[in-house]
C-alpha atoms as a PDB file:
ATOM      1  CA  MET A   1       0.000   0.000   0.000  1.00  0.00           C
ATOM      2  CA  ILE A   2       1.220   3.482  -0.819  1.00  0.00           C
ATOM      3  CA  SER A   3       1.770   5.764   2.151  1.00  0.00           C
ATOM      4  CA  GLU A   4       0.275   9.224   2.401  1.00  0.00           C
ATOM      5  CA  GLU A   5       3.743  10.767   2.205  1.00  0.00           C
ATOM      6  CA  GLU A   6       4.532   8.931  -1.047  1.00  0.00           C
ATOM      7  CA  PHE A   7       1.151   9.877  -2.500  1.00  0.00           C
ATOM      8  CA  LEU A   8       1.639  13.550  -1.692  1.00  0.00           C
ATOM      9  CA  ALA A   9       5.244  13.528  -2.918  1.00  0.00           C
ATOM     10  CA  GLN A  10       4.101  12.201  -6.292  1.00  0.00           C
ATOM     11  CA  ALA A  11       1.309  14.793  -6.426  1.00  0.00           C
ATOM     12  CA  LYS A  12       3.801  17.558  -5.625  1.00  0.00           C
ATOM     13  CA  LYS A  13       5.994  16.519  -8.551  1.00  0.00           C
ATOM     14  CA  ARG A  14       3.031  16.631 -10.894  1.00  0.00           C
ATOM     15  CA  TYR A  15       1.796  19.980  -9.560  1.00  0.00           C
ATOM     16  CA  GLN A  16       4.857  21.762 -10.892  1.00  0.00           C
ATOM     17  CA  ALA A  17       4.292  20.253 -14.343  1.00  0.00           C
ATOM     18  CA  ILE A  18       0.623  21.256 -14.259  1.00  0.00           C
ATOM     19  CA  ALA A  19       1.517  24.804 -13.189  1.00  0.00           C
ATOM     20  CA  LYS A  20       3.709  25.142 -16.292  1.00  0.00           C
ATOM     21  CA  LEU A  21       0.698  24.390 -18.487  1.00  0.00           C
ATOM     22  CA  SER A  22      -0.468  27.985 -18.154  1.00  0.00           C
ATOM     23  CA  ASN A  23       2.204  28.924 -20.734  1.00  0.00           C
ATOM     24  CA  ILE A  24       0.553  26.774 -23.413  1.00  0.00           C
ATOM     25  CA  LYS A  25      -1.726  28.791 -25.705  1.00  0.00           C
ATOM     26  CA  SER A  26      -3.362  25.963 -27.640  1.00  0.00           C
ATOM     27  CA  TYR A  27      -6.212  24.234 -25.829  1.00  0.00           C
ATOM     28  CA  TYR A  28      -5.481  20.989 -27.677  1.00  0.00           C
ATOM     29  CA  ASP A  29      -1.835  20.966 -26.531  1.00  0.00           C
ATOM     30  CA  TYR A  30      -2.902  21.915 -22.999  1.00  0.00           C
ATOM     31  CA  GLU A  31      -5.410  19.082 -22.820  1.00  0.00           C
ATOM     32  CA  LYS A  32      -2.998  16.551 -24.344  1.00  0.00           C
ATOM     33  CA  THR A  33      -0.211  17.449 -21.921  1.00  0.00           C
ATOM     34  CA  PHE A  34      -2.543  17.565 -18.917  1.00  0.00           C
ATOM     35  CA  ASP A  35      -3.926  14.133 -19.800  1.00  0.00           C
ATOM     36  CA  GLN A  36      -0.422  12.690 -20.094  1.00  0.00           C
ATOM     37  CA  ILE A  37       0.613  14.094 -16.703  1.00  0.00           C
ATOM     38  CA  TRP A  38      -2.545  12.833 -15.016  1.00  0.00           C
ATOM     39  CA  THR A  39      -2.335   9.378 -16.633  1.00  0.00           C
ATOM     40  CA  ASP A  40       1.302   8.967 -15.572  1.00  0.00           C
ATOM     41  CA  TYR A  41       0.407   9.999 -12.034  1.00  0.00           C
ATOM     42  CA  GLY A  42      -2.496   7.561 -11.869  1.00  0.00           C
ATOM     43  CA  ARG A  43      -0.388   4.704 -13.234  1.00  0.00           C
ATOM     44  CA  GLU A  44       2.388   5.328 -10.741  1.00  0.00           C
ATOM     45  CA  VAL A  45       0.008   5.531  -7.779  1.00  0.00           C
ATOM     46  CA  LEU A  46      -1.765   2.360  -8.897  1.00  0.00           C
ATOM     47  CA  GLU A  47       1.489   0.444  -9.300  1.00  0.00           C
ATOM     48  CA  ARG A  48       2.777   1.552  -5.912  1.00  0.00           C
ATOM     49  CA  SER A  49      -0.501   0.789  -4.156  1.00  0.00           C
ATOM     50  CA  ILE A  50      -0.646  -2.751  -5.548  1.00  0.00           C
ATOM     51  CA  SER A  51       3.019  -3.684  -5.243  1.00  0.00           C
ATOM     52  CA  GLU A  52       6.401  -2.963  -6.677  1.00  0.00           C
ATOM     53  CA  PRO A  53       6.570  -3.967 -10.351  1.00  0.00           C
ATOM     54  CA  SER A  54       8.996  -6.772 -11.085  1.00  0.00           C
ATOM     55  CA  ARG A  55      12.212  -6.059 -12.929  1.00  0.00           C
ATOM     56  CA  ASP A  56      11.369  -8.641 -15.587  1.00  0.00           C
ATOM     57  CA  ARG A  57       7.944  -7.874 -17.009  1.00  0.00           C
ATOM     58  CA  ARG A  58       7.737 -11.364 -18.533  1.00  0.00           C
ATOM     59  CA  LYS A  59       8.287 -13.205 -15.261  1.00  0.00           C
ATOM     60  CA  LYS A  60       5.220 -15.027 -14.050  1.00  0.00           C
ATOM     61  CA  LYS A  61       4.409 -15.709 -10.449  1.00  0.00           C
ATOM     62  CA  LEU A  62       3.913 -19.244  -9.233  1.00  0.00           C
ATOM     63  CA  ILE A  63       0.452 -19.532  -7.773  1.00  0.00           C
ATOM     64  CA  THR A  64      -1.327 -22.556  -6.431  1.00  0.00           C
ATOM     65  CA  LEU A  65      -4.952 -23.092  -7.158  1.00  0.00           C
ATOM     66  CA  ARG A  66      -5.472 -25.914  -4.698  1.00  0.00           C
ATOM     67  CA  LYS A  67      -4.873 -25.621  -0.977  1.00  0.00           C
ATOM     68  CA  ASP A  68      -3.391 -29.119  -0.718  1.00  0.00           C
ATOM     69  CA  ARG A  69      -0.525 -28.087  -3.022  1.00  0.00           C
ATOM     70  CA  ASP A  70       1.996 -25.968  -1.157  1.00  0.00           C
END
């Protein structure tokens, strides 16, 4: 689970990027950049709240479906 401090630290990083959006004149570019920032933030919070991602994205976890198999 992500701690409150980690959550707020990630939000603080993104706030500075969002504050810089006021320099963009085109609404399309503003929206595109804002969406990218927000999506990255959401992905990072989700990954940290579930668990740390593995180093090898192809590695599968061994799970047992039956309780008698340990």
